[in-house]
Amino acid sequence: MKVTLLHDEQGRILAISTDVDLKASGSKFTNVGMVPGPGQRKLEMELSGEPEKSVLLDLHRHFRVDRAISKLVKID
């Protein structure tokens, strides 16, 4: 599953977005996305399988983005 993470300068995950089929969901939009604000960065990555929504919530709680290598790291 492809996800987009919005994170701050300390690597804290602020928002998570997943790809959806806009036409299938009935939307008239053709393109959507997140725009980082000042001091924020966007990271697109692939998660293995199709994680449940609770797994995505756990990313907020238990992981951060290591900005040096652009990867998720587990918080102690």
C-alpha atoms as a PDB file:
ATOM      1  CA  MET A   1       0.000   0.000   0.000  1.00  0.00           C
ATOM      2  CA  LYS A   2       1.370   3.409  -0.951  1.00  0.00           C
ATOM      3  CA  VAL A   3       1.125   6.017   1.803  1.00  0.00           C
ATOM      4  CA  THR A   4       2.142   9.642   2.065  1.00  0.00           C
ATOM      5  CA  LEU A   5       3.388  10.860   5.442  1.00  0.00           C
ATOM      6  CA  LEU A   6       3.470  14.501   6.485  1.00  0.00           C
ATOM      7  CA  HIS A   7       6.032  15.070   9.241  1.00  0.00           C
ATOM      8  CA  ASP A   8       7.677  17.925  11.097  1.00  0.00           C
ATOM      9  CA  GLU A   9      11.355  18.797  11.529  1.00  0.00           C
ATOM     10  CA  GLN A  10      11.668  16.373  14.471  1.00  0.00           C
ATOM     11  CA  GLY A  11      10.244  13.502  12.407  1.00  0.00           C
ATOM     12  CA  ARG A  12       6.878  13.401  14.195  1.00  0.00           C
ATOM     13  CA  ILE A  13       4.175  12.113  11.873  1.00  0.00           C
ATOM     14  CA  LEU A  14       1.438  14.728  11.531  1.00  0.00           C
ATOM     15  CA  ALA A  15      -0.788  13.146   8.877  1.00  0.00           C
ATOM     16  CA  ILE A  16      -1.075   9.993   6.781  1.00  0.00           C
ATOM     17  CA  SER A  17      -2.733   9.749   3.384  1.00  0.00           C
ATOM     18  CA  THR A  18      -3.395   6.599   1.344  1.00  0.00           C
ATOM     19  CA  ASP A  19      -4.074   6.285  -2.370  1.00  0.00           C
ATOM     20  CA  VAL A  20      -7.703   5.816  -3.349  1.00  0.00           C
ATOM     21  CA  ASP A  21      -9.510   5.474  -6.656  1.00  0.00           C
ATOM     22  CA  LEU A  22     -11.261   8.843  -6.854  1.00  0.00           C
ATOM     23  CA  LYS A  23     -13.666   7.800  -9.619  1.00  0.00           C
ATOM     24  CA  ALA A  24     -14.687   4.633  -7.783  1.00  0.00           C
ATOM     25  CA  SER A  25     -15.414   6.649  -4.649  1.00  0.00           C
ATOM     26  CA  GLY A  26     -17.691   8.982  -6.611  1.00  0.00           C
ATOM     27  CA  SER A  27     -15.460  12.049  -6.410  1.00  0.00           C
ATOM     28  CA  LYS A  28     -15.393  14.652  -9.164  1.00  0.00           C
ATOM     29  CA  PHE A  29     -11.789  15.509  -8.291  1.00  0.00           C
ATOM     30  CA  THR A  30      -9.071  14.096 -10.515  1.00  0.00           C
ATOM     31  CA  ASN A  31      -6.107  14.746  -8.222  1.00  0.00           C
ATOM     32  CA  VAL A  32      -5.681  15.222  -4.463  1.00  0.00           C
ATOM     33  CA  GLY A  33      -2.732  15.455  -2.109  1.00  0.00           C
ATOM     34  CA  MET A  34      -1.164  17.021   0.950  1.00  0.00           C
ATOM     35  CA  VAL A  35       0.837  20.235   0.808  1.00  0.00           C
ATOM     36  CA  PRO A  36       3.499  20.611   3.521  1.00  0.00           C
ATOM     37  CA  GLY A  37       3.451  23.801   5.534  1.00  0.00           C
ATOM     38  CA  PRO A  38       6.464  25.685   6.881  1.00  0.00           C
ATOM     39  CA  GLY A  39       8.830  23.291   8.672  1.00  0.00           C
ATOM     40  CA  GLN A  40       7.041  20.225   7.345  1.00  0.00           C
ATOM     41  CA  ARG A  41       8.101  17.564   4.861  1.00  0.00           C
ATOM     42  CA  LYS A  42       6.276  14.969   2.810  1.00  0.00           C
ATOM     43  CA  LEU A  43       7.482  11.375   2.423  1.00  0.00           C
ATOM     44  CA  GLU A  44       5.923   8.837   0.064  1.00  0.00           C
ATOM     45  CA  MET A  45       6.560   5.190   0.866  1.00  0.00           C
ATOM     46  CA  GLU A  46       5.264   1.693   0.274  1.00  0.00           C
ATOM     47  CA  LEU A  47       3.938  -0.400   3.186  1.00  0.00           C
ATOM     48  CA  SER A  48       3.818  -4.146   2.709  1.00  0.00           C
ATOM     49  CA  GLY A  49       0.372  -5.668   2.225  1.00  0.00           C
ATOM     50  CA  GLU A  50      -2.890  -3.879   2.935  1.00  0.00           C
ATOM     51  CA  PRO A  51      -2.626  -2.654   6.530  1.00  0.00           C
ATOM     52  CA  GLU A  52      -5.827  -1.974   8.471  1.00  0.00           C
ATOM     53  CA  LYS A  53      -6.654   1.567   9.556  1.00  0.00           C
ATOM     54  CA  SER A  54      -5.587   0.718  13.130  1.00  0.00           C
ATOM     55  CA  VAL A  55      -2.090  -0.077  11.820  1.00  0.00           C
ATOM     56  CA  LEU A  56      -1.925   3.366  10.202  1.00  0.00           C
ATOM     57  CA  LEU A  57      -2.928   4.932  13.529  1.00  0.00           C
ATOM     58  CA  ASP A  58      -0.110   2.994  15.209  1.00  0.00           C
ATOM     59  CA  LEU A  59       2.359   4.739  12.873  1.00  0.00           C
ATOM     60  CA  HIS A  60       1.463   8.026  14.606  1.00  0.00           C
ATOM     61  CA  ARG A  61       1.950   6.529  18.044  1.00  0.00           C
ATOM     62  CA  HIS A  62       4.966   4.253  17.651  1.00  0.00           C
ATOM     63  CA  PHE A  63       7.080   5.566  14.777  1.00  0.00           C
ATOM     64  CA  ARG A  64       8.811   8.686  13.570  1.00  0.00           C
ATOM     65  CA  VAL A  65      10.593   9.600  10.352  1.00  0.00           C
ATOM     66  CA  ASP A  66      14.377   9.578  10.425  1.00  0.00           C
ATOM     67  CA  ARG A  67      14.988  12.569   8.169  1.00  0.00           C
ATOM     68  CA  ALA A  68      18.600  11.594   7.435  1.00  0.00           C
ATOM     69  CA  ILE A  69      17.561   8.339   5.711  1.00  0.00           C
ATOM     70  CA  SER A  70      13.873   9.070   4.951  1.00  0.00           C
ATOM     71  CA  LYS A  71      12.687   5.909   6.709  1.00  0.00           C
ATOM     72  CA  LEU A  72      10.379   5.058   9.585  1.00  0.00           C
ATOM     73  CA  VAL A  73      12.030   4.211  12.896  1.00  0.00           C
ATOM     74  CA  LYS A  74      10.347   2.802  15.987  1.00  0.00           C
ATOM     75  CA  ILE A  75      10.080   5.095  19.008  1.00  0.00           C
ATOM     76  CA  ASP A  76      11.313   3.605  22.311  1.00  0.00           C
END
